[in-house]
Amino acid sequence: MDSRPPICRIGAGAGFAGDRIEPAVALAASGEVDAVALECLAERTLLPALKARAADPAQGYDPRLRRRLKPLLPVARANRCAIVSNLGQANPRAAGRAIATLAAELGLKGLRIAAVHGDDVMGLREHIAWDQPLQGSLVGAHAYLGARPLAAALAEGAEVVVTGRVADSALFAAPALLRLDEGEAALAGAIAVGHLLECSGQLSGGNYAPVGGAMLSAEAYANLGFPLAEVYADGSAEIRLLAGAPGLLNPETCTLQLFYEVHDPARYATPDCVLDFSGVRFEPTGPQRVRMSGARSLGPPPTLKVAGFIERPGWIADCEIGFAGSGALERARRSAETLRLRLHDWADDDIAVDVVGVDSILRAGSAPSRAAPAECRVHVSARCPDLEAAQIVEDEIYAMTLSGPAGGCSVRSERRSRIEVVDGYIPAHRIEVGIEWSEAP
């Protein structure tokens, strides 16, 4: 263990929108963290939020907000633990007001909530440089903000900071940011810690297959402990689990998480700095405890990334049909072949027909099955110019139950609009970040 006192202790309370609530409550209740960060936003969750806000200006924040914060707010306040989260989705100001209402219902008088906004850059679209031409209607554009405005809100006394599209790492780095040593090295360390914590249980044994070892038990997975980091002034950190919490936290799980969603480990761009992970070291310092050091900064990025949402003409038809019993694979493959013949009018780039469990992910790279599966599903996904074409795809799936191989059953069908996410970049100085304060009466 490090003999120095940490400047801040940060708990990983959530790593995605539907993450478990109990680990965040356990961290806040432990008295061993100064803040719990909840990462609950992705492109797939921001889009429904945009639609909800368009329908009702008082909506557009995470619909799980009350369910997630109701058990957490009282425990966090009782233990002087701040909460930082992107539960605000497309409407952080409305989220701040909703949290104040919830806090009042819970009797948390005077709870201070800071809603950090400014990530919505639809009004600045003429300043965005897109990676590709926009083909369709731009329905939303959100820039990735950094940790500084979140840290400023905490410094002004926020007990809860809620925001929208920020870098995931920024949520976890913010509580430590203003206490770090001067210089880029300490900042790089704090952002690297944030990157490690952002996926909650993925750092502490989830989504991990030990080489030559056994998986965790079902009981351990069901009660997996989420990690916390004790951050030091130089940006290094001790990452660990609460005592007795199930999980597996070691240099291997940390290394895998370090490279998660990172294309170039020597140049990983975040809004706060461009990180060089090539010198990061993980050293075990005790049971379920690892020391991280060695992150370097290459300076701030010239621009901030923007996620743009394009609505394209047409629809996506996504359908499945199941087969089970003797010869299930042969019947499923024959059904897939039949569907390709029936839907031959679709261009190859606009339709995919595969067998789930056999070749739906690796496609041509799938290894031959050593044993025939007892059940499998034929999956069809097609881009369609209109709803009539989508109906044709669905009808052909249903036709397999009467005019295809024997035993086709359990049909699933979905039609959805064509929304694509495109990347863009905007100069940071164009963005005006603000804070709206709310307080529980």
Protein backbone atom coordinates (compact mmCIF):
# COMPACT_ATOMS: atom_id res chain seq x y z
CA MET A 1 0.00 0.00 0.00
CA ASP A 2 1.02 3.62 -0.57
CA SER A 3 1.99 5.41 2.64
CA ARG A 4 0.79 8.81 1.39
CA PRO A 5 -2.78 9.91 2.07
CA PRO A 6 -4.91 10.01 -1.07
CA ILE A 7 -6.33 13.33 -2.19
CA CYS A 8 -9.62 11.73 -3.20
CA ARG A 9 -11.38 8.35 -3.15
CA ILE A 10 -13.73 7.65 -6.04
CA GLY A 11 -16.16 4.76 -6.42
CA ALA A 12 -17.42 3.27 -9.68
CA GLY A 13 -21.18 3.33 -9.17
CA ALA A 14 -22.32 2.40 -12.68
CA GLY A 15 -20.82 1.61 -16.07
CA PHE A 16 -23.87 1.76 -18.33
CA ALA A 17 -27.51 2.88 -18.34
CA GLY A 18 -28.98 -0.33 -16.94
CA ASP A 19 -26.20 -1.17 -14.50
CA ARG A 20 -26.91 -2.53 -11.04
CA ILE A 21 -27.79 -0.12 -8.25
CA GLU A 22 -26.64 -2.10 -5.20
CA PRO A 23 -22.85 -1.68 -5.73
CA ALA A 24 -23.17 2.12 -5.83
CA VAL A 25 -25.16 2.09 -2.58
CA ALA A 26 -22.57 -0.20 -0.98
CA LEU A 27 -19.73 2.13 -1.97
CA ALA A 28 -21.54 5.22 -0.67
CA ALA A 29 -22.49 3.45 2.56
CA SER A 30 -18.94 2.24 3.18
CA GLY A 31 -17.60 5.63 4.21
CA GLU A 32 -14.53 4.78 2.12
CA VAL A 33 -15.24 7.03 -0.85
CA ASP A 34 -15.62 10.79 -1.26
CA ALA A 35 -17.64 10.48 -4.45
CA VAL A 36 -19.46 7.88 -6.50
CA ALA A 37 -19.62 8.34 -10.26
CA LEU A 38 -22.38 6.79 -12.33
CA GLU A 39 -21.70 6.39 -16.06
CA CYS A 40 -25.14 5.85 -17.61
CA LEU A 41 -25.01 7.30 -21.13
CA ALA A 42 -24.23 6.03 -24.61
CA GLU A 43 -25.27 6.90 -28.15
CA ARG A 44 -27.97 4.23 -27.98
CA THR A 45 -29.47 5.88 -24.87
CA LEU A 46 -28.96 9.49 -25.97
CA LEU A 47 -31.12 9.04 -29.06
CA PRO A 48 -34.32 8.06 -27.14
CA ALA A 49 -33.60 10.97 -24.82
CA LEU A 50 -33.52 13.37 -27.77
CA LYS A 51 -36.91 12.06 -28.89
CA ALA A 52 -38.33 12.34 -25.36
CA ARG A 53 -37.13 15.95 -25.04
CA ALA A 54 -38.64 16.84 -28.41
CA ALA A 55 -42.00 15.48 -27.23
CA ASP A 56 -41.82 17.11 -23.77
CA PRO A 57 -39.28 19.82 -22.78
CA ALA A 58 -39.42 18.55 -19.17
CA GLN A 59 -38.16 15.12 -20.24
CA GLY A 60 -35.05 13.85 -21.99
CA TYR A 61 -33.12 12.67 -18.94
CA ASP A 62 -32.55 9.04 -17.99
CA PRO A 63 -35.90 7.34 -17.28
CA ARG A 64 -34.14 5.29 -14.59
CA LEU A 65 -33.13 8.43 -12.67
CA ARG A 66 -35.60 8.02 -9.80
CA ARG A 67 -35.10 4.26 -9.51
CA ARG A 68 -31.34 4.69 -9.43
CA LEU A 69 -31.09 7.67 -7.08
CA LYS A 70 -33.90 6.90 -4.62
CA PRO A 71 -31.83 4.34 -2.67
CA LEU A 72 -28.54 6.19 -3.25
CA LEU A 73 -29.23 9.81 -2.30
CA PRO A 74 -29.94 9.28 1.43
CA VAL A 75 -26.94 6.98 1.91
CA ALA A 76 -24.62 9.29 -0.01
CA ARG A 77 -25.66 12.35 1.96
CA ALA A 78 -25.36 10.56 5.29
CA ASN A 79 -21.77 9.64 4.42
CA ARG A 80 -20.79 12.97 2.80
CA CYS A 81 -20.34 11.22 -0.53
CA ALA A 82 -20.86 13.30 -3.68
CA ILE A 83 -22.61 11.85 -6.72
CA VAL A 84 -21.48 12.62 -10.27
CA SER A 85 -23.44 11.27 -13.22
CA ASN A 86 -24.47 11.75 -16.83
CA LEU A 87 -28.06 10.74 -15.99
CA GLY A 88 -29.02 14.08 -17.54
CA GLN A 89 -28.72 12.58 -21.03
CA ALA A 90 -30.23 15.15 -23.45
CA ASN A 91 -31.68 17.40 -20.71
CA PRO A 92 -29.42 17.81 -17.67
CA ARG A 93 -31.23 20.92 -16.43
CA ALA A 94 -34.53 19.04 -16.26
CA ALA A 95 -32.66 16.19 -14.55
CA GLY A 96 -31.34 18.58 -11.91
CA ARG A 97 -34.85 19.78 -11.14
CA ALA A 98 -36.14 16.19 -11.02
CA ILE A 99 -33.38 15.27 -8.55
CA ALA A 100 -34.30 18.23 -6.34
CA THR A 101 -37.92 17.04 -6.34
CA LEU A 102 -36.86 13.51 -5.43
CA ALA A 103 -34.56 14.80 -2.67
CA ALA A 104 -37.43 16.78 -1.18
CA GLU A 105 -39.61 13.67 -1.17
CA LEU A 106 -36.82 11.84 0.66
CA GLY A 107 -36.51 14.59 3.27
CA LEU A 108 -33.01 15.66 2.12
CA LYS A 109 -33.57 19.34 2.75
CA GLY A 110 -31.07 21.71 1.16
CA LEU A 111 -29.42 19.08 -1.06
CA ARG A 112 -27.47 21.05 -3.69
CA ILE A 113 -27.62 19.83 -7.26
CA ALA A 114 -25.55 21.22 -10.13
CA ALA A 115 -26.72 20.55 -13.68
CA VAL A 116 -23.78 21.03 -16.06
CA HIS A 117 -24.94 21.79 -19.60
CA GLY A 118 -23.42 22.91 -22.88
CA ASP A 119 -22.81 19.62 -24.64
CA ASP A 120 -25.78 20.15 -26.98
CA VAL A 121 -24.16 21.80 -30.01
CA MET A 122 -27.03 21.69 -32.51
CA GLY A 123 -26.95 25.49 -32.50
CA LEU A 124 -23.27 25.37 -33.45
CA ARG A 125 -23.58 22.89 -36.30
CA GLU A 126 -21.94 25.24 -38.80
CA HIS A 127 -18.72 24.96 -36.77
CA ILE A 128 -18.65 21.14 -36.74
CA ALA A 129 -16.31 19.31 -39.12
CA TRP A 130 -17.92 15.95 -39.86
CA ASP A 131 -16.00 12.80 -40.75
CA GLN A 132 -18.35 12.14 -43.65
CA PRO A 133 -21.02 13.96 -45.63
CA LEU A 134 -24.32 14.11 -43.78
CA GLN A 135 -26.91 12.13 -45.72
CA GLY A 136 -30.22 12.60 -43.99
CA SER A 137 -31.67 14.84 -41.31
CA LEU A 138 -29.47 15.84 -38.36
CA VAL A 139 -31.66 15.29 -35.29
CA GLY A 140 -29.03 15.86 -32.60
CA ALA A 141 -25.40 16.80 -32.03
CA HIS A 142 -23.65 16.51 -28.66
CA ALA A 143 -20.02 17.32 -27.88
CA TYR A 144 -17.97 15.35 -25.37
CA LEU A 145 -17.18 17.69 -22.49
CA GLY A 146 -14.32 17.20 -20.05
CA ALA A 147 -13.90 17.02 -16.28
CA ARG A 148 -13.23 20.68 -15.47
CA PRO A 149 -16.82 21.99 -15.31
CA LEU A 150 -17.80 19.00 -13.19
CA ALA A 151 -14.90 19.66 -10.84
CA ALA A 152 -15.87 23.33 -10.64
CA ALA A 153 -19.42 22.38 -9.61
CA LEU A 154 -18.08 20.13 -6.86
CA ALA A 155 -15.78 22.92 -5.67
CA GLU A 156 -18.80 25.22 -5.38
CA GLY A 157 -20.50 22.79 -3.03
CA ALA A 158 -22.53 20.51 -5.26
CA GLU A 159 -23.61 17.33 -3.54
CA VAL A 160 -24.91 15.94 -6.84
CA VAL A 161 -23.54 16.85 -10.25
CA VAL A 162 -25.67 15.77 -13.20
CA THR A 163 -24.69 16.32 -16.80
CA GLY A 164 -25.16 15.04 -20.33
CA ARG A 165 -22.61 13.97 -22.92
CA VAL A 166 -19.20 14.16 -21.27
CA ALA A 167 -16.30 11.79 -21.68
CA ASP A 168 -16.91 8.78 -19.47
CA SER A 169 -13.52 9.20 -17.82
CA ALA A 170 -14.34 12.81 -16.90
CA LEU A 171 -17.09 11.72 -14.49
CA PHE A 172 -14.62 9.73 -12.42
CA ALA A 173 -11.69 12.14 -12.69
CA ALA A 174 -13.67 15.25 -11.70
CA PRO A 175 -13.69 14.72 -7.90
CA ALA A 176 -9.88 14.60 -7.85
CA LEU A 177 -9.13 17.21 -10.49
CA LEU A 178 -8.73 20.37 -8.40
CA ARG A 179 -6.57 18.64 -5.78
CA LEU A 180 -3.92 17.30 -8.14
CA ASP A 181 -0.34 18.50 -8.40
CA GLU A 182 0.26 21.10 -11.07
CA GLY A 183 1.22 19.79 -14.48
CA GLU A 184 0.05 17.49 -17.21
CA ALA A 185 1.36 14.26 -15.65
CA ALA A 186 -1.00 14.38 -12.67
CA LEU A 187 -3.93 15.24 -14.95
CA ALA A 188 -3.08 12.29 -17.21
CA GLY A 189 -3.09 9.99 -14.21
CA ALA A 190 -6.50 11.15 -13.02
CA ILE A 191 -8.04 10.77 -16.49
CA ALA A 192 -6.47 7.31 -16.80
CA VAL A 193 -8.03 6.36 -13.45
CA GLY A 194 -11.35 7.59 -14.78
CA HIS A 195 -10.96 5.46 -17.89
CA LEU A 196 -10.29 2.42 -15.72
CA LEU A 197 -13.31 2.96 -13.49
CA GLU A 198 -15.82 3.85 -16.20
CA CYS A 199 -17.02 0.29 -16.85
CA SER A 200 -17.69 -0.68 -13.22
CA GLY A 201 -17.65 -4.48 -12.91
CA GLN A 202 -15.59 -4.97 -16.06
CA LEU A 203 -12.57 -3.88 -14.01
CA SER A 204 -13.31 -6.21 -11.12
CA GLY A 205 -13.81 -9.55 -12.86
CA GLY A 206 -16.79 -9.05 -15.13
CA ASN A 207 -16.40 -9.82 -18.83
CA TYR A 208 -13.09 -11.55 -18.01
CA ALA A 209 -11.97 -15.08 -18.80
CA PRO A 210 -8.90 -15.96 -16.68
CA VAL A 211 -6.20 -17.70 -18.71
CA GLY A 212 -5.86 -21.19 -17.28
CA GLY A 213 -8.15 -20.36 -14.38
CA ALA A 214 -11.76 -20.72 -13.37
CA MET A 215 -14.48 -18.17 -13.86
CA LEU A 216 -16.06 -16.56 -10.86
CA SER A 217 -19.02 -18.39 -9.39
CA ALA A 218 -22.56 -17.44 -10.32
CA GLU A 219 -22.99 -16.09 -6.79
CA ALA A 220 -19.91 -13.87 -7.24
CA TYR A 221 -21.16 -12.56 -10.58
CA ALA A 222 -24.58 -11.90 -9.05
CA ASN A 223 -23.02 -9.84 -6.24
CA LEU A 224 -19.95 -8.50 -8.05
CA GLY A 225 -18.17 -5.70 -6.21
CA PHE A 226 -17.49 -2.51 -8.12
CA PRO A 227 -14.04 -0.89 -7.82
CA LEU A 228 -12.90 2.26 -6.12
CA ALA A 229 -9.72 4.27 -6.60
CA GLU A 230 -7.65 6.11 -4.03
CA VAL A 231 -6.09 8.89 -6.11
CA TYR A 232 -2.84 10.58 -5.13
CA ALA A 233 -1.68 14.10 -5.91
CA ASP A 234 0.66 12.93 -8.69
CA GLY A 235 -2.19 11.14 -10.49
CA SER A 236 -1.20 7.63 -9.49
CA ALA A 237 -3.79 5.52 -7.72
CA GLU A 238 -4.54 2.41 -5.71
CA ILE A 239 -7.50 0.59 -7.23
CA ARG A 240 -9.31 -1.92 -5.04
CA LEU A 241 -12.56 -3.52 -3.94
CA LEU A 242 -14.33 -3.09 -0.64
CA ALA A 243 -13.30 -5.75 1.86
CA GLY A 244 -15.25 -8.94 1.29
CA ALA A 245 -16.76 -7.81 -2.02
CA PRO A 246 -16.78 -10.63 -4.61
CA GLY A 247 -14.70 -10.06 -7.71
CA LEU A 248 -11.31 -10.39 -9.30
CA LEU A 249 -9.21 -7.25 -9.56
CA ASN A 250 -5.62 -7.72 -10.69
CA PRO A 251 -3.12 -6.33 -13.23
CA GLU A 252 -4.70 -8.43 -15.99
CA THR A 253 -8.24 -7.08 -15.50
CA CYS A 254 -6.80 -3.56 -15.26
CA THR A 255 -4.77 -3.97 -18.45
CA LEU A 256 -7.78 -5.22 -20.39
CA GLN A 257 -9.89 -2.30 -19.20
CA LEU A 258 -7.08 0.15 -20.01
CA PHE A 259 -7.32 -0.84 -23.67
CA TYR A 260 -11.12 -0.88 -23.74
CA GLU A 261 -12.40 1.22 -26.68
CA VAL A 262 -8.86 2.54 -27.29
CA HIS A 263 -7.65 2.52 -30.89
CA ASP A 264 -4.16 3.89 -30.24
CA PRO A 265 -2.84 3.43 -26.67
CA ALA A 266 -0.11 5.98 -27.33
CA ARG A 267 -2.60 8.66 -28.44
CA TYR A 268 -5.95 8.24 -26.71
CA ALA A 269 -7.81 11.53 -27.10
CA THR A 270 -10.07 12.75 -24.30
CA PRO A 271 -11.49 16.28 -23.90
CA ASP A 272 -9.03 16.98 -21.07
CA CYS A 273 -5.84 15.67 -22.64
CA VAL A 274 -4.44 13.23 -25.18
CA LEU A 275 -3.23 10.25 -23.17
CA ASP A 276 -0.23 8.03 -23.72
CA PHE A 277 -0.88 4.70 -22.03
CA SER A 278 2.30 3.03 -23.26
CA GLY A 279 4.10 3.63 -19.96
CA VAL A 280 1.27 2.66 -17.60
CA ARG A 281 2.23 0.10 -14.97
CA PHE A 282 0.00 -2.06 -12.79
CA GLU A 283 1.51 -3.53 -9.64
CA PRO A 284 -0.39 -5.77 -7.21
CA THR A 285 -0.16 -4.31 -3.72
CA GLY A 286 -2.49 -6.66 -1.85
CA PRO A 287 -5.57 -8.84 -2.25
CA GLN A 288 -7.89 -7.25 -4.83
CA ARG A 289 -5.64 -4.18 -4.90
CA VAL A 290 -3.51 -2.77 -7.74
CA ARG A 291 -1.37 0.36 -8.01
CA MET A 292 -1.53 2.30 -11.28
CA SER A 293 1.10 4.79 -12.42
CA GLY A 294 2.87 5.98 -15.56
CA ALA A 295 0.15 7.68 -17.61
CA ARG A 296 1.42 10.58 -19.70
CA SER A 297 -0.26 13.54 -21.34
CA LEU A 298 0.48 14.81 -24.84
CA GLY A 299 -1.41 18.02 -24.16
CA PRO A 300 -5.00 19.06 -24.81
CA PRO A 301 -6.69 18.03 -28.05
CA PRO A 302 -7.29 20.79 -30.62
CA THR A 303 -10.98 19.93 -30.91
CA LEU A 304 -13.75 18.10 -29.07
CA LYS A 305 -15.49 15.08 -30.51
CA VAL A 306 -19.15 15.42 -31.43
CA ALA A 307 -21.69 12.61 -31.76
CA GLY A 308 -24.21 13.45 -34.47
CA PHE A 309 -27.47 11.58 -35.01
CA ILE A 310 -28.70 11.32 -38.59
CA GLU A 311 -32.17 10.11 -39.48
CA ARG A 312 -31.98 8.40 -42.86
CA PRO A 313 -34.94 7.71 -45.14
CA GLY A 314 -36.47 4.27 -44.74
CA TRP A 315 -36.60 1.59 -42.06
CA ILE A 316 -34.71 -1.37 -40.65
CA ALA A 317 -36.53 -4.71 -40.58
CA ASP A 318 -35.04 -7.08 -38.01
CA CYS A 319 -36.60 -10.55 -37.76
CA GLU A 320 -35.85 -14.06 -36.49
CA ILE A 321 -37.34 -17.54 -36.66
CA GLY A 322 -36.32 -20.50 -34.49
CA PHE A 323 -35.70 -24.20 -35.19
CA ALA A 324 -35.16 -26.95 -32.63
CA GLY A 325 -34.69 -30.70 -32.37
CA SER A 326 -33.11 -33.20 -34.73
CA GLY A 327 -31.59 -31.57 -37.80
CA ALA A 328 -32.19 -28.05 -36.45
CA LEU A 329 -29.04 -26.64 -38.04
CA GLU A 330 -29.72 -28.18 -41.43
CA ARG A 331 -33.29 -26.85 -41.39
CA ALA A 332 -32.14 -23.41 -40.24
CA ARG A 333 -29.53 -23.20 -43.01
CA ARG A 334 -32.07 -24.29 -45.59
CA SER A 335 -34.42 -21.61 -44.31
CA ALA A 336 -31.66 -18.99 -44.55
CA GLU A 337 -30.92 -20.08 -48.12
CA THR A 338 -34.61 -19.86 -48.98
CA LEU A 339 -34.88 -16.37 -47.52
CA ARG A 340 -31.90 -15.21 -49.56
CA LEU A 341 -33.65 -16.44 -52.71
CA ARG A 342 -36.95 -14.86 -51.75
CA LEU A 343 -35.30 -11.53 -50.87
CA HIS A 344 -32.89 -11.44 -53.81
CA ASP A 345 -34.05 -7.92 -54.76
CA TRP A 346 -32.14 -6.48 -51.81
CA ALA A 347 -28.57 -5.37 -52.47
CA ASP A 348 -25.95 -7.38 -50.57
CA ASP A 349 -25.01 -4.32 -48.51
CA ASP A 350 -28.63 -3.83 -47.44
CA ILE A 351 -29.43 -7.28 -46.08
CA ALA A 352 -27.84 -9.84 -43.78
CA VAL A 353 -29.12 -13.39 -43.30
CA ASP A 354 -27.34 -15.57 -40.75
CA VAL A 355 -27.85 -18.32 -38.19
CA VAL A 356 -27.55 -17.14 -34.59
CA GLY A 357 -25.11 -19.31 -32.66
CA VAL A 358 -23.36 -20.47 -35.83
CA ASP A 359 -22.25 -17.56 -38.02
CA SER A 360 -24.10 -14.42 -36.95
CA ILE A 361 -21.07 -12.69 -35.41
CA LEU A 362 -17.95 -14.11 -37.09
CA ARG A 363 -19.75 -14.81 -40.36
CA ALA A 364 -17.29 -16.46 -42.78
CA GLY A 365 -14.70 -16.65 -40.00
CA SER A 366 -16.84 -18.97 -37.90
CA ALA A 367 -15.30 -22.37 -37.16
CA PRO A 368 -17.23 -25.47 -38.29
CA SER A 369 -19.48 -26.89 -35.58
CA ARG A 370 -18.18 -30.14 -34.06
CA ALA A 371 -21.65 -31.07 -32.92
CA ALA A 372 -24.97 -30.03 -34.38
CA PRO A 373 -26.80 -27.59 -32.08
CA ALA A 374 -30.12 -28.70 -30.67
CA GLU A 375 -31.64 -25.33 -31.49
CA CYS A 376 -30.78 -22.22 -33.46
CA ARG A 377 -32.37 -19.10 -34.94
CA VAL A 378 -32.31 -17.63 -38.44
CA HIS A 379 -31.81 -13.88 -38.32
CA VAL A 380 -32.60 -11.37 -41.08
CA SER A 381 -31.74 -7.66 -40.90
CA ALA A 382 -32.54 -5.48 -43.90
CA ARG A 383 -32.48 -1.82 -44.83
CA CYS A 384 -35.83 -1.00 -46.38
CA PRO A 385 -36.86 2.11 -48.35
CA ASP A 386 -40.30 2.21 -46.75
CA LEU A 387 -42.65 0.38 -44.40
CA GLU A 388 -44.10 -1.70 -47.23
CA ALA A 389 -40.67 -3.16 -47.97
CA ALA A 390 -40.16 -3.83 -44.26
CA GLN A 391 -43.48 -5.66 -44.22
CA ILE A 392 -42.30 -7.82 -47.14
CA VAL A 393 -39.28 -8.96 -45.10
CA GLU A 394 -41.47 -9.75 -42.10
CA ASP A 395 -43.97 -11.63 -44.28
CA GLU A 396 -41.22 -13.80 -45.73
CA ILE A 397 -40.13 -14.78 -42.22
CA TYR A 398 -43.68 -15.76 -41.29
CA ALA A 399 -43.98 -17.65 -44.58
CA MET A 400 -41.22 -19.95 -43.36
CA THR A 401 -43.65 -21.33 -40.76
CA LEU A 402 -45.92 -22.65 -43.53
CA SER A 403 -43.81 -22.96 -46.67
CA GLY A 404 -40.34 -23.60 -45.33
CA PRO A 405 -38.44 -26.35 -43.53
CA ALA A 406 -40.34 -28.13 -40.77
CA GLY A 407 -40.63 -26.76 -37.27
CA GLY A 408 -40.07 -23.04 -37.80
CA CYS A 409 -41.39 -21.25 -34.73
CA SER A 410 -40.94 -18.42 -32.22
CA VAL A 411 -40.90 -15.62 -34.78
CA ARG A 412 -39.65 -12.21 -33.60
CA SER A 413 -40.11 -9.11 -35.73
CA GLU A 414 -39.10 -5.48 -35.28
CA ARG A 415 -39.23 -2.42 -37.50
CA ARG A 416 -37.28 0.69 -36.54
CA SER A 417 -36.28 3.97 -38.12
CA ARG A 418 -32.83 4.34 -39.67
CA ILE A 419 -30.72 6.38 -37.30
CA GLU A 420 -26.96 6.51 -37.80
CA VAL A 421 -24.31 8.03 -35.56
CA VAL A 422 -21.63 10.12 -37.25
CA ASP A 423 -18.52 11.64 -35.71
CA GLY A 424 -17.57 15.27 -35.94
CA TYR A 425 -15.19 17.73 -34.29
CA ILE A 426 -15.68 21.23 -32.97
CA PRO A 427 -13.20 23.78 -31.55
CA ALA A 428 -13.49 23.75 -27.77
CA HIS A 429 -13.68 27.56 -27.54
CA ARG A 430 -16.99 27.49 -29.41
CA ILE A 431 -18.75 25.73 -26.55
CA GLU A 432 -20.26 27.61 -23.62
CA VAL A 433 -20.62 25.40 -20.56
CA GLY A 434 -23.02 26.47 -17.83
CA ILE A 435 -24.29 25.30 -14.46
CA GLU A 436 -27.90 25.47 -13.33
CA TRP A 437 -28.32 25.02 -9.58
CA SER A 438 -31.24 23.36 -7.85
CA GLU A 439 -31.82 22.80 -4.18
CA ALA A 440 -34.24 20.51 -2.36
CA PRO A 441 -36.69 22.67 -0.39
